[in-house]
């Protein structure tokens, strides 16, 4: 994927949501892989995560300002995890929300990328249902 000339002020939004999407996928993937030994689910999540690459990364890195992020401190609600299921749910929601943001932003400059993030989001809905109803 390429960033396809999004306005500079939106690159930071893309960078944050792309990171959030991949991080959420990685958390769920690692639980599926190492805790539940679920090869099929962990492979599906890994494949989705690999679809979330945007080039060139230099544009995104240049827009990053994690030091001055106004919501950098941990929110109390982020600490409200009681078990693995609550972690899985939180990370599915995190990834779904981020893919929606990316889907919307790319409607401006690259409808095919927008569709790709929409596809990722719907796949996450499907995997979430499979994952959480199987346990």
Protein backbone atom coordinates (compact mmCIF):
# COMPACT_ATOMS: atom_id res chain seq x y z
CA UNK A 1 0.00 0.00 0.00
CA UNK A 2 1.09 3.55 -0.54
CA UNK A 3 0.13 6.70 1.34
CA UNK A 4 -0.96 8.23 -2.00
CA UNK A 5 -0.51 11.86 -1.11
CA UNK A 6 -2.82 12.35 1.80
CA UNK A 7 -2.66 15.91 3.10
CA UNK A 8 0.24 16.24 5.58
CA UNK A 9 -2.09 16.95 8.51
CA UNK A 10 -3.76 13.57 7.98
CA UNK A 11 -0.54 11.55 7.83
CA UNK A 12 -0.27 11.62 11.62
CA UNK A 13 -3.81 10.25 11.88
CA UNK A 14 -2.94 7.50 9.42
CA UNK A 15 0.27 6.66 11.27
CA UNK A 16 -1.48 6.42 14.64
CA UNK A 17 -4.35 4.32 13.32
CA UNK A 18 -2.12 2.04 11.29
CA UNK A 19 -0.01 1.39 14.38
CA UNK A 20 -3.13 0.86 16.51
CA UNK A 21 -4.58 -1.56 13.95
CA UNK A 22 -1.40 -3.64 13.72
CA UNK A 23 -0.86 -3.61 17.49
CA UNK A 24 -4.42 -4.80 18.15
CA UNK A 25 -4.04 -7.56 15.59
CA UNK A 26 -0.72 -8.63 17.11
CA UNK A 27 -2.17 -8.94 20.62
CA UNK A 28 -5.03 -11.15 19.41
CA UNK A 29 -2.70 -13.12 17.14
CA UNK A 30 -0.27 -13.88 19.96
CA UNK A 31 -3.04 -15.02 22.30
CA UNK A 32 -4.47 -17.25 19.56
CA UNK A 33 -1.02 -18.62 18.77
CA UNK A 34 0.65 -19.04 22.14
CA UNK A 35 -2.27 -19.46 24.54
CA UNK A 36 -4.91 -21.23 22.46
CA UNK A 37 -2.56 -22.93 19.95
CA UNK A 38 -5.02 -21.92 17.22
CA UNK A 39 -3.04 -22.09 14.00
CA UNK A 40 -5.96 -21.13 11.73
CA UNK A 41 -6.95 -18.01 13.67
CA UNK A 42 -3.39 -16.86 14.30
CA UNK A 43 -2.56 -17.31 10.60
CA UNK A 44 -5.65 -15.33 9.57
CA UNK A 45 -4.72 -12.51 11.94
CA UNK A 46 -1.10 -12.55 10.76
CA UNK A 47 -2.25 -12.32 7.14
CA UNK A 48 -4.48 -9.35 7.98
CA UNK A 49 -1.62 -7.65 9.81
CA UNK A 50 0.59 -8.07 6.76
CA UNK A 51 -2.05 -6.32 4.63
CA UNK A 52 -1.62 -3.23 6.82
CA UNK A 53 1.59 -1.90 5.32
CA UNK A 54 1.68 1.55 3.80
CA UNK A 55 4.64 2.78 1.79
CA UNK A 56 6.65 4.86 1.88
CA UNK A 57 6.98 4.65 5.64
CA UNK A 58 9.19 7.75 5.74
CA UNK A 59 6.15 10.03 5.23
CA UNK A 60 4.40 8.44 8.18
CA UNK A 61 7.45 8.51 10.41
CA UNK A 62 8.03 12.18 9.61
CA UNK A 63 4.47 12.97 10.71
CA UNK A 64 4.75 11.08 14.01
CA UNK A 65 4.78 13.10 17.23
CA UNK A 66 4.30 10.54 19.99
CA UNK A 67 6.13 12.71 22.53
CA UNK A 68 3.50 15.44 22.31
CA UNK A 69 0.44 13.21 21.91
CA UNK A 70 -2.23 14.76 24.14
CA UNK A 71 -3.67 11.34 25.04
CA UNK A 72 -0.35 9.62 25.63
CA UNK A 73 -0.92 9.00 29.36
CA UNK A 74 -2.75 5.75 30.02
CA UNK A 75 -6.49 6.18 30.45
CA UNK A 76 -8.07 4.47 33.46
CA UNK A 77 -10.45 2.57 31.16
CA UNK A 78 -7.44 1.02 29.39
CA UNK A 79 -6.44 -0.60 32.67
CA UNK A 80 -9.83 -2.28 33.06
CA UNK A 81 -8.97 -5.78 31.86
CA UNK A 82 -10.08 -8.71 33.97
CA UNK A 83 -9.04 -11.71 31.88
CA UNK A 84 -7.80 -12.79 28.47
CA UNK A 85 -11.27 -12.51 26.96
CA UNK A 86 -11.50 -8.83 27.93
CA UNK A 87 -8.08 -8.24 26.34
CA UNK A 88 -9.18 -10.01 23.15
CA UNK A 89 -12.42 -8.00 22.97
CA UNK A 90 -10.63 -4.69 23.58
CA UNK A 91 -8.11 -5.42 20.86
CA UNK A 92 -10.71 -6.50 18.30
CA UNK A 93 -12.54 -3.22 18.94
CA UNK A 94 -9.28 -1.28 18.72
CA UNK A 95 -8.41 -2.85 15.36
CA UNK A 96 -11.94 -2.47 13.96
CA UNK A 97 -12.12 1.21 14.93
CA UNK A 98 -8.70 1.93 13.46
CA UNK A 99 -9.50 0.18 10.19
CA UNK A 100 -12.68 2.29 9.99
CA UNK A 101 -10.69 5.52 10.42
CA UNK A 102 -8.26 4.43 7.68
CA UNK A 103 -11.14 3.40 5.44
CA UNK A 104 -12.71 6.85 5.78
CA UNK A 105 -9.47 8.83 5.28
CA UNK A 106 -8.47 6.94 2.17
CA UNK A 107 -11.81 7.70 0.53
CA UNK A 108 -10.27 11.13 -0.11
CA UNK A 109 -7.28 10.00 -2.15
CA UNK A 110 -7.40 6.28 -2.87
CA UNK A 111 -10.74 4.44 -2.93
CA UNK A 112 -8.99 1.10 -3.49
CA UNK A 113 -7.08 1.51 -0.21
CA UNK A 114 -10.32 2.54 1.45
CA UNK A 115 -11.89 -0.69 0.23
CA UNK A 116 -8.93 -2.69 1.48
CA UNK A 117 -9.36 -1.29 5.01
CA UNK A 118 -13.10 -1.96 4.78
CA UNK A 119 -12.32 -5.57 3.84
CA UNK A 120 -9.96 -5.83 6.83
CA UNK A 121 -12.65 -4.42 9.13
CA UNK A 122 -15.28 -6.89 7.97
CA UNK A 123 -12.84 -9.78 8.26
CA UNK A 124 -12.19 -8.67 11.83
CA UNK A 125 -15.93 -8.78 12.56
CA UNK A 126 -16.02 -12.36 11.26
CA UNK A 127 -12.89 -13.46 13.16
CA UNK A 128 -14.15 -11.83 16.34
CA UNK A 129 -17.38 -13.81 16.19
CA UNK A 130 -15.55 -17.06 15.47
CA UNK A 131 -12.95 -16.42 18.18
CA UNK A 132 -15.29 -15.34 20.93
CA UNK A 133 -18.04 -17.88 20.36
CA UNK A 134 -15.58 -20.78 20.18
CA UNK A 135 -14.30 -20.28 23.74
